[in-house]
Amino acid sequence: MSDAEIAQHALRCLDLTDLTDNCTDQSIDALCRKALDPRGPVAAVCVWPQFVKRAQEVLRGSPVRIATVVNFPAGGEDIDRVTDDVQEALSDGANEIDLVLPYEAVRRGDLKIATEMVEAVRDLVDQGRLLKVILETGELKDPKLIETASRLSIEAGADFIKTSTGKTPVSATPEAARIMLDVIRASGRKVGLKPSGGIRTLADAKIYLDLAERIMGPGWAIPQTFRIGASSVYDTLMAAIEGRDGGAATGAY
């Protein structure tokens, strides 16, 4: 594939994200306009819960889905609070919920609370809506813990497993993504992967696209099963599509 074709592929799998602390209605409007570019559109926008209604207004009638985050970014353990937040986000129009797994509980070996939280949210996220579980792999660190968190999330009903919040020192890594893909493949279930955070170049995106297709098979990395969580990579993808400098997919996994 040419760089332009790789970039087009990545763009259509993109969850275009604004989870900045200073986000405004105007920021969401600009994000949604980018999401609707005819060279895409992107798969989804991912916004803070308070901006779901705004995004819905701008994107009404388009195929772009609206994702929001809950239990974010700390990965707390209050299930009732999380389910309340999920219900509100869904009633506001969210199509996808990105839930931060209680990863500290996983680190200390308390898998029960983590499982119960995913199951509780799974019970609410229905009718064609998606549950993406954020493992925060940069904090779990240990490959065995990443494997455990991946398996737990899938068994509790995740539609996607996602590497990171993008709010910790280490976000997505190919090593974590490989572990997660191996667990997805072994599960035999239709579960997607979302590498998120730290993906800034076409080469970065290509690493994950190549990895997904190598482990899961050619044609697997489509928006229904593969997303890239990023905001800074958008301009780079556009540059590659247009043949401008700055979009080269140099490097390989």
C-alpha atoms as a PDB file:
ATOM      1  CA  MET A   1       0.000   0.000   0.000  1.00  0.00           C
ATOM      2  CA  SER A   2       1.132   3.556  -0.666  1.00  0.00           C
ATOM      3  CA  ASP A   3       1.504   6.025   2.189  1.00  0.00           C
ATOM      4  CA  ALA A   4      -1.703   7.726   1.036  1.00  0.00           C
ATOM      5  CA  GLU A   5      -3.603   4.425   1.154  1.00  0.00           C
ATOM      6  CA  ILE A   6      -2.231   3.570   4.599  1.00  0.00           C
ATOM      7  CA  ALA A   7      -3.223   7.009   5.831  1.00  0.00           C
ATOM      8  CA  GLN A   8      -6.730   6.673   4.387  1.00  0.00           C
ATOM      9  CA  HIS A   9      -7.090   3.292   6.113  1.00  0.00           C
ATOM     10  CA  ALA A  10      -5.909   4.724   9.435  1.00  0.00           C
ATOM     11  CA  LEU A  11      -8.175   7.785   9.099  1.00  0.00           C
ATOM     12  CA  ARG A  12     -11.284   5.643   8.726  1.00  0.00           C
ATOM     13  CA  CYS A  13     -10.313   3.687  11.857  1.00  0.00           C
ATOM     14  CA  LEU A  14      -9.628   6.841  13.876  1.00  0.00           C
ATOM     15  CA  ASP A  15     -11.391   7.833  17.092  1.00  0.00           C
ATOM     16  CA  LEU A  16     -10.705  11.544  16.753  1.00  0.00           C
ATOM     17  CA  THR A  17     -10.254  12.662  20.335  1.00  0.00           C
ATOM     18  CA  ASP A  18     -10.427  15.784  22.459  1.00  0.00           C
ATOM     19  CA  LEU A  19     -10.003  14.996  26.139  1.00  0.00           C
ATOM     20  CA  THR A  20      -8.040  18.126  26.953  1.00  0.00           C
ATOM     21  CA  ASP A  21      -8.698  19.923  30.222  1.00  0.00           C
ATOM     22  CA  ASN A  22      -9.549  23.182  28.435  1.00  0.00           C
ATOM     23  CA  CYS A  23     -11.999  21.740  25.894  1.00  0.00           C
ATOM     24  CA  THR A  24     -14.877  24.033  24.862  1.00  0.00           C
ATOM     25  CA  ASP A  25     -18.010  23.857  22.723  1.00  0.00           C
ATOM     26  CA  GLN A  26     -16.016  25.531  19.954  1.00  0.00           C
ATOM     27  CA  SER A  27     -13.332  22.859  20.243  1.00  0.00           C
ATOM     28  CA  ILE A  28     -15.977  20.158  19.831  1.00  0.00           C
ATOM     29  CA  ASP A  29     -17.432  21.912  16.791  1.00  0.00           C
ATOM     30  CA  ALA A  30     -13.977  21.991  15.184  1.00  0.00           C
ATOM     31  CA  LEU A  31     -13.355  18.351  16.096  1.00  0.00           C
ATOM     32  CA  CYS A  32     -16.622  17.271  14.510  1.00  0.00           C
ATOM     33  CA  ARG A  33     -15.909  19.234  11.342  1.00  0.00           C
ATOM     34  CA  LYS A  34     -12.608  17.379  11.036  1.00  0.00           C
ATOM     35  CA  ALA A  35     -14.407  14.089  11.660  1.00  0.00           C
ATOM     36  CA  LEU A  36     -16.703  14.734   8.695  1.00  0.00           C
ATOM     37  CA  ASP A  37     -13.962  15.499   6.172  1.00  0.00           C
ATOM     38  CA  PRO A  38     -14.879  13.764   2.874  1.00  0.00           C
ATOM     39  CA  ARG A  39     -11.530  11.956   2.863  1.00  0.00           C
ATOM     40  CA  GLY A  40     -12.824  10.070   5.890  1.00  0.00           C
ATOM     41  CA  PRO A  41     -15.062  10.152   7.692  1.00  0.00           C
ATOM     42  CA  VAL A  42     -13.407   8.956  10.883  1.00  0.00           C
ATOM     43  CA  ALA A  43     -14.965   6.096  12.855  1.00  0.00           C
ATOM     44  CA  ALA A  44     -15.890   8.171  15.916  1.00  0.00           C
ATOM     45  CA  VAL A  45     -15.190  11.232  17.973  1.00  0.00           C
ATOM     46  CA  CYS A  46     -14.233  10.669  21.610  1.00  0.00           C
ATOM     47  CA  VAL A  47     -15.185  13.513  23.958  1.00  0.00           C
ATOM     48  CA  TRP A  48     -15.792  14.282  27.605  1.00  0.00           C
ATOM     49  CA  PRO A  49     -19.311  13.299  28.787  1.00  0.00           C
ATOM     50  CA  GLN A  50     -20.431  16.929  29.101  1.00  0.00           C
ATOM     51  CA  PHE A  51     -19.865  17.413  25.352  1.00  0.00           C
ATOM     52  CA  VAL A  52     -21.795  14.377  24.102  1.00  0.00           C
ATOM     53  CA  LYS A  53     -24.950  16.399  23.390  1.00  0.00           C
ATOM     54  CA  ARG A  54     -22.956  19.048  21.548  1.00  0.00           C
ATOM     55  CA  ALA A  55     -21.258  16.417  19.380  1.00  0.00           C
ATOM     56  CA  GLN A  56     -24.595  14.773  18.682  1.00  0.00           C
ATOM     57  CA  GLU A  57     -26.022  18.059  17.406  1.00  0.00           C
ATOM     58  CA  VAL A  58     -23.114  18.652  15.034  1.00  0.00           C
ATOM     59  CA  LEU A  59     -22.867  15.050  13.797  1.00  0.00           C
ATOM     60  CA  ARG A  60     -26.598  14.354  13.472  1.00  0.00           C
ATOM     61  CA  GLY A  61     -27.313  12.310  10.343  1.00  0.00           C
ATOM     62  CA  SER A  62     -23.660  11.346   9.801  1.00  0.00           C
ATOM     63  CA  PRO A  63     -22.095   7.872  10.188  1.00  0.00           C
ATOM     64  CA  VAL A  64     -19.582   9.172  12.756  1.00  0.00           C
ATOM     65  CA  ARG A  65     -20.178   7.608  16.157  1.00  0.00           C
ATOM     66  CA  ILE A  66     -19.901   9.424  19.482  1.00  0.00           C
ATOM     67  CA  ALA A  67     -17.691   7.893  22.160  1.00  0.00           C
ATOM     68  CA  THR A  68     -17.215   9.169  25.678  1.00  0.00           C
ATOM     69  CA  VAL A  69     -15.163   8.161  28.705  1.00  0.00           C
ATOM     70  CA  VAL A  70     -16.209   6.997  32.172  1.00  0.00           C
ATOM     71  CA  ASN A  71     -14.171   6.228  35.282  1.00  0.00           C
ATOM     72  CA  PHE A  72     -11.588   8.352  33.509  1.00  0.00           C
ATOM     73  CA  PRO A  73      -8.681   8.631  33.894  1.00  0.00           C
ATOM     74  CA  ALA A  74      -8.076   7.294  37.400  1.00  0.00           C
ATOM     75  CA  GLY A  75      -9.837   3.926  37.071  1.00  0.00           C
ATOM     76  CA  GLY A  76     -11.666   4.146  40.400  1.00  0.00           C
ATOM     77  CA  GLU A  77     -13.647   1.357  42.030  1.00  0.00           C
ATOM     78  CA  ASP A  78     -17.067   2.927  42.704  1.00  0.00           C
ATOM     79  CA  ILE A  79     -19.350   0.849  40.484  1.00  0.00           C
ATOM     80  CA  ASP A  80     -22.541   2.748  41.347  1.00  0.00           C
ATOM     81  CA  ARG A  81     -20.999   6.070  40.378  1.00  0.00           C
ATOM     82  CA  VAL A  82     -19.697   4.625  37.113  1.00  0.00           C
ATOM     83  CA  THR A  83     -23.039   3.124  36.134  1.00  0.00           C
ATOM     84  CA  ASP A  84     -24.776   6.436  36.910  1.00  0.00           C
ATOM     85  CA  ASP A  85     -22.304   8.197  34.609  1.00  0.00           C
ATOM     86  CA  VAL A  86     -22.850   5.598  31.884  1.00  0.00           C
ATOM     87  CA  GLN A  87     -26.629   5.951  32.030  1.00  0.00           C
ATOM     88  CA  GLU A  88     -26.343   9.737  31.715  1.00  0.00           C
ATOM     89  CA  ALA A  89     -23.919   9.494  28.784  1.00  0.00           C
ATOM     90  CA  LEU A  90     -26.138   7.037  26.949  1.00  0.00           C
ATOM     91  CA  SER A  91     -29.210   9.195  27.504  1.00  0.00           C
ATOM     92  CA  ASP A  92     -27.260  12.162  26.078  1.00  0.00           C
ATOM     93  CA  GLY A  93     -26.619  10.195  22.882  1.00  0.00           C
ATOM     94  CA  ALA A  94     -23.314   8.366  23.290  1.00  0.00           C
ATOM     95  CA  ASN A  95     -22.901   5.360  20.979  1.00  0.00           C
ATOM     96  CA  GLU A  96     -19.727   4.076  22.614  1.00  0.00           C
ATOM     97  CA  ILE A  97     -18.483   3.967  26.195  1.00  0.00           C
ATOM     98  CA  ASP A  98     -14.742   3.892  26.907  1.00  0.00           C
ATOM     99  CA  LEU A  99     -14.523   2.564  30.465  1.00  0.00           C
ATOM    100  CA  VAL A 100     -11.289   2.682  32.449  1.00  0.00           C
ATOM    101  CA  LEU A 101     -10.790  -0.674  34.141  1.00  0.00           C
ATOM    102  CA  PRO A 102      -9.989  -0.451  37.878  1.00  0.00           C
ATOM    103  CA  TYR A 103      -6.391  -1.284  37.025  1.00  0.00           C
ATOM    104  CA  GLU A 104      -5.041  -0.779  40.537  1.00  0.00           C
ATOM    105  CA  ALA A 105      -7.413  -3.515  41.670  1.00  0.00           C
ATOM    106  CA  VAL A 106      -6.003  -5.772  38.957  1.00  0.00           C
ATOM    107  CA  ARG A 107      -2.461  -4.954  40.075  1.00  0.00           C
ATOM    108  CA  ARG A 108      -3.217  -6.021  43.632  1.00  0.00           C
ATOM    109  CA  GLY A 109      -4.972  -9.181  42.479  1.00  0.00           C
ATOM    110  CA  ASP A 110      -8.563  -8.100  43.190  1.00  0.00           C
ATOM    111  CA  LEU A 111     -10.112  -9.250  39.936  1.00  0.00           C
ATOM    112  CA  LYS A 112     -13.642  -9.407  41.362  1.00  0.00           C
ATOM    113  CA  ILE A 113     -14.193  -5.644  41.493  1.00  0.00           C
ATOM    114  CA  ALA A 114     -12.805  -5.206  37.987  1.00  0.00           C
ATOM    115  CA  THR A 115     -15.016  -7.962  36.585  1.00  0.00           C
ATOM    116  CA  GLU A 116     -18.113  -6.649  38.356  1.00  0.00           C
ATOM    117  CA  MET A 117     -17.563  -3.148  36.986  1.00  0.00           C
ATOM    118  CA  VAL A 118     -17.229  -4.306  33.384  1.00  0.00           C
ATOM    119  CA  GLU A 119     -20.278  -6.565  33.753  1.00  0.00           C
ATOM    120  CA  ALA A 120     -22.340  -3.742  35.276  1.00  0.00           C
ATOM    121  CA  VAL A 121     -21.511  -1.386  32.421  1.00  0.00           C
ATOM    122  CA  ARG A 122     -22.025  -4.150  29.872  1.00  0.00           C
ATOM    123  CA  ASP A 123     -25.597  -4.539  31.145  1.00  0.00           C
ATOM    124  CA  LEU A 124     -26.267  -0.888  30.244  1.00  0.00           C
ATOM    125  CA  VAL A 125     -24.435  -0.642  26.919  1.00  0.00           C
ATOM    126  CA  ASP A 126     -26.751  -2.373  24.475  1.00  0.00           C
ATOM    127  CA  GLN A 127     -28.731  -1.789  21.254  1.00  0.00           C
ATOM    128  CA  GLY A 128     -25.747  -1.630  18.933  1.00  0.00           C
ATOM    129  CA  ARG A 129     -23.675   0.523  21.255  1.00  0.00           C
ATOM    130  CA  LEU A 130     -20.092  -0.450  22.069  1.00  0.00           C
ATOM    131  CA  LEU A 131     -18.204  -0.999  25.318  1.00  0.00           C
ATOM    132  CA  LYS A 132     -14.479  -0.324  25.050  1.00  0.00           C
ATOM    133  CA  VAL A 133     -12.487  -1.204  28.171  1.00  0.00           C
ATOM    134  CA  ILE A 134      -9.296   0.774  28.817  1.00  0.00           C
ATOM    135  CA  LEU A 135      -6.676  -1.419  30.501  1.00  0.00           C
ATOM    136  CA  GLU A 136      -4.070   1.315  31.130  1.00  0.00           C
ATOM    137  CA  THR A 137      -1.288  -1.023  30.042  1.00  0.00           C
ATOM    138  CA  GLY A 138       1.457   1.503  30.814  1.00  0.00           C
ATOM    139  CA  GLU A 139       0.515   1.266  34.495  1.00  0.00           C
ATOM    140  CA  LEU A 140      -0.056  -2.500  34.535  1.00  0.00           C
ATOM    141  CA  LYS A 141       3.412  -2.917  32.946  1.00  0.00           C
ATOM    142  CA  ASP A 142       3.753  -6.655  33.611  1.00  0.00           C
ATOM    143  CA  PRO A 143       2.866  -8.699  30.489  1.00  0.00           C
ATOM    144  CA  LYS A 144       1.016 -11.217  32.674  1.00  0.00           C
ATOM    145  CA  LEU A 145      -1.128  -8.457  34.170  1.00  0.00           C
ATOM    146  CA  ILE A 146      -1.901  -7.083  30.695  1.00  0.00           C
ATOM    147  CA  GLU A 147      -2.901 -10.574  29.607  1.00  0.00           C
ATOM    148  CA  THR A 148      -5.066 -11.032  32.714  1.00  0.00           C
ATOM    149  CA  ALA A 149      -6.774  -7.664  32.267  1.00  0.00           C
ATOM    150  CA  SER A 150      -7.423  -8.409  28.583  1.00  0.00           C
ATOM    151  CA  ARG A 151      -8.947 -11.802  29.300  1.00  0.00           C
ATOM    152  CA  LEU A 152     -11.022 -10.493  32.221  1.00  0.00           C
ATOM    153  CA  SER A 153     -12.441  -7.649  30.129  1.00  0.00           C
ATOM    154  CA  ILE A 154     -13.341  -9.891  27.204  1.00  0.00           C
ATOM    155  CA  GLU A 155     -14.994 -12.499  29.427  1.00  0.00           C
ATOM    156  CA  ALA A 156     -16.995  -9.735  31.173  1.00  0.00           C
ATOM    157  CA  GLY A 157     -18.359  -8.508  27.836  1.00  0.00           C
ATOM    158  CA  ALA A 158     -16.034  -5.906  26.298  1.00  0.00           C
ATOM    159  CA  ASP A 159     -16.547  -5.185  22.606  1.00  0.00           C
ATOM    160  CA  PHE A 160     -13.067  -3.629  22.409  1.00  0.00           C
ATOM    161  CA  ILE A 161     -10.040  -3.600  24.639  1.00  0.00           C
ATOM    162  CA  LYS A 162      -8.058  -0.359  24.601  1.00  0.00           C
ATOM    163  CA  THR A 163      -4.496   0.205  25.726  1.00  0.00           C
ATOM    164  CA  SER A 164      -4.511   3.549  27.487  1.00  0.00           C
ATOM    165  CA  THR A 165      -6.135   6.763  28.615  1.00  0.00           C
ATOM    166  CA  GLY A 166      -3.303   8.847  27.160  1.00  0.00           C
ATOM    167  CA  LYS A 167      -2.982  10.498  30.579  1.00  0.00           C
ATOM    168  CA  THR A 168      -0.075   8.423  31.950  1.00  0.00           C
ATOM    169  CA  PRO A 169       3.656   8.549  31.129  1.00  0.00           C
ATOM    170  CA  VAL A 170       3.460   5.370  29.003  1.00  0.00           C
ATOM    171  CA  SER A 171       0.544   4.954  26.615  1.00  0.00           C
ATOM    172  CA  ALA A 172       0.150   2.488  23.753  1.00  0.00           C
ATOM    173  CA  THR A 173       3.100   0.240  22.958  1.00  0.00           C
ATOM    174  CA  PRO A 174       3.395  -2.469  20.291  1.00  0.00           C
ATOM    175  CA  GLU A 175       4.356  -4.938  23.015  1.00  0.00           C
ATOM    176  CA  ALA A 176       1.107  -4.381  24.917  1.00  0.00           C
ATOM    177  CA  ALA A 177      -0.928  -4.444  21.700  1.00  0.00           C
ATOM    178  CA  ARG A 178       0.615  -7.790  20.741  1.00  0.00           C
ATOM    179  CA  ILE A 179      -0.402  -9.326  24.072  1.00  0.00           C
ATOM    180  CA  MET A 180      -3.929  -7.956  23.736  1.00  0.00           C
ATOM    181  CA  LEU A 181      -4.292  -9.238  20.173  1.00  0.00           C
ATOM    182  CA  ASP A 182      -3.067 -12.678  21.211  1.00  0.00           C
ATOM    183  CA  VAL A 183      -5.766 -12.787  23.912  1.00  0.00           C
ATOM    184  CA  ILE A 184      -8.424 -11.601  21.447  1.00  0.00           C
ATOM    185  CA  ARG A 185      -7.430 -14.304  18.974  1.00  0.00           C
ATOM    186  CA  ALA A 186      -7.422 -16.998  21.662  1.00  0.00           C
ATOM    187  CA  SER A 187     -10.876 -15.921  22.892  1.00  0.00           C
ATOM    188  CA  GLY A 188     -12.529 -16.754  19.582  1.00  0.00           C
ATOM    189  CA  ARG A 189     -14.834 -13.771  20.076  1.00  0.00           C
ATOM    190  CA  LYS A 190     -15.414 -10.754  17.863  1.00  0.00           C
ATOM    191  CA  VAL A 191     -13.552  -8.260  20.025  1.00  0.00           C
ATOM    192  CA  GLY A 192     -11.684  -5.228  18.728  1.00  0.00           C
ATOM    193  CA  LEU A 193      -8.428  -3.514  19.654  1.00  0.00           C
ATOM    194  CA  LYS A 194      -7.909   0.200  20.245  1.00  0.00           C
ATOM    195  CA  PRO A 195      -4.317   1.377  20.688  1.00  0.00           C
ATOM    196  CA  SER A 196      -4.525   4.848  22.181  1.00  0.00           C
ATOM    197  CA  GLY A 197      -2.112   7.558  23.236  1.00  0.00           C
ATOM    198  CA  GLY A 198       1.286   8.426  21.831  1.00  0.00           C
ATOM    199  CA  ILE A 199       0.350   7.696  18.200  1.00  0.00           C
ATOM    200  CA  ARG A 200       1.552  10.789  16.367  1.00  0.00           C
ATOM    201  CA  THR A 201       2.913   9.737  12.961  1.00  0.00           C
ATOM    202  CA  LEU A 202       1.854   7.612  10.031  1.00  0.00           C
ATOM    203  CA  ALA A 203       4.667   5.244  10.942  1.00  0.00           C
ATOM    204  CA  ASP A 204       3.170   4.874  14.437  1.00  0.00           C
ATOM    205  CA  ALA A 205      -0.260   4.077  12.997  1.00  0.00           C
ATOM    206  CA  LYS A 206       1.226   1.626  10.495  1.00  0.00           C
ATOM    207  CA  ILE A 207       2.919  -0.321  13.301  1.00  0.00           C
ATOM    208  CA  TYR A 208      -0.459  -1.130  14.842  1.00  0.00           C
ATOM    209  CA  LEU A 209      -2.238  -1.751  11.545  1.00  0.00           C
ATOM    210  CA  ASP A 210       0.504  -4.189  10.500  1.00  0.00           C
ATOM    211  CA  LEU A 211       0.504  -5.886  13.891  1.00  0.00           C
ATOM    212  CA  ALA A 212      -3.272  -6.355  13.856  1.00  0.00           C
ATOM    213  CA  GLU A 213      -3.288  -7.821  10.363  1.00  0.00           C
ATOM    214  CA  ARG A 214      -0.315 -10.078  11.091  1.00  0.00           C
ATOM    215  CA  ILE A 215      -1.919 -11.592  14.202  1.00  0.00           C
ATOM    216  CA  MET A 216      -5.612 -11.472  13.273  1.00  0.00           C
ATOM    217  CA  GLY A 217      -5.333 -11.841   9.503  1.00  0.00           C
ATOM    218  CA  PRO A 218      -5.601  -9.623   6.427  1.00  0.00           C
ATOM    219  CA  GLY A 219      -8.700  -7.447   6.373  1.00  0.00           C
ATOM    220  CA  TRP A 220      -9.295  -7.626  10.139  1.00  0.00           C
ATOM    221  CA  ALA A 221      -8.297  -4.032  10.896  1.00  0.00           C
ATOM    222  CA  ILE A 222     -11.540  -2.267   9.998  1.00  0.00           C
ATOM    223  CA  PRO A 223     -13.526   0.209  12.126  1.00  0.00           C
ATOM    224  CA  GLN A 224     -15.757  -2.564  13.508  1.00  0.00           C
ATOM    225  CA  THR A 225     -12.735  -4.285  15.088  1.00  0.00           C
ATOM    226  CA  PHE A 226      -9.870  -1.783  15.066  1.00  0.00           C
ATOM    227  CA  ARG A 227      -9.605   1.815  16.227  1.00  0.00           C
ATOM    228  CA  ILE A 228      -6.777   4.256  16.746  1.00  0.00           C
ATOM    229  CA  GLY A 229      -7.291   6.658  19.643  1.00  0.00           C
ATOM    230  CA  ALA A 230      -5.516   9.889  18.794  1.00  0.00           C
ATOM    231  CA  SER A 231      -5.913  13.532  17.983  1.00  0.00           C
ATOM    232  CA  SER A 232      -2.403  14.660  17.041  1.00  0.00           C
ATOM    233  CA  VAL A 233      -2.089  12.107  14.227  1.00  0.00           C
ATOM    234  CA  TYR A 234      -4.991  13.569  12.215  1.00  0.00           C
ATOM    235  CA  ASP A 235      -2.995  16.312  10.472  1.00  0.00           C
ATOM    236  CA  THR A 236      -0.213  13.855   9.646  1.00  0.00           C
ATOM    237  CA  LEU A 237      -2.693  11.465   8.037  1.00  0.00           C
ATOM    238  CA  MET A 238      -4.158  14.300   5.993  1.00  0.00           C
ATOM    239  CA  ALA A 239      -0.682  15.318   4.852  1.00  0.00           C
ATOM    240  CA  ALA A 240       0.007  11.779   3.659  1.00  0.00           C
ATOM    241  CA  ILE A 241      -3.331  11.543   1.847  1.00  0.00           C
ATOM    242  CA  GLU A 242      -2.574  14.806   0.059  1.00  0.00           C
ATOM    243  CA  GLY A 243       1.034  13.799  -0.704  1.00  0.00           C
ATOM    244  CA  ARG A 244       2.510  16.569   1.433  1.00  0.00           C
ATOM    245  CA  ASP A 245       5.702  16.234   3.501  1.00  0.00           C
ATOM    246  CA  GLY A 246       5.317  14.976   7.031  1.00  0.00           C
ATOM    247  CA  GLY A 247       3.204  11.919   6.329  1.00  0.00           C
ATOM    248  CA  ALA A 248       5.739   9.264   5.417  1.00  0.00           C
ATOM    249  CA  ALA A 249       5.203   5.789   6.892  1.00  0.00           C
ATOM    250  CA  THR A 250       8.861   5.088   7.574  1.00  0.00           C
ATOM    251  CA  GLY A 251       9.816   2.466  10.086  1.00  0.00           C
ATOM    252  CA  ALA A 252       8.370  -0.945  10.882  1.00  0.00           C
ATOM    253  CA  TYR A 253       7.541  -3.049  13.897  1.00  0.00           C
END
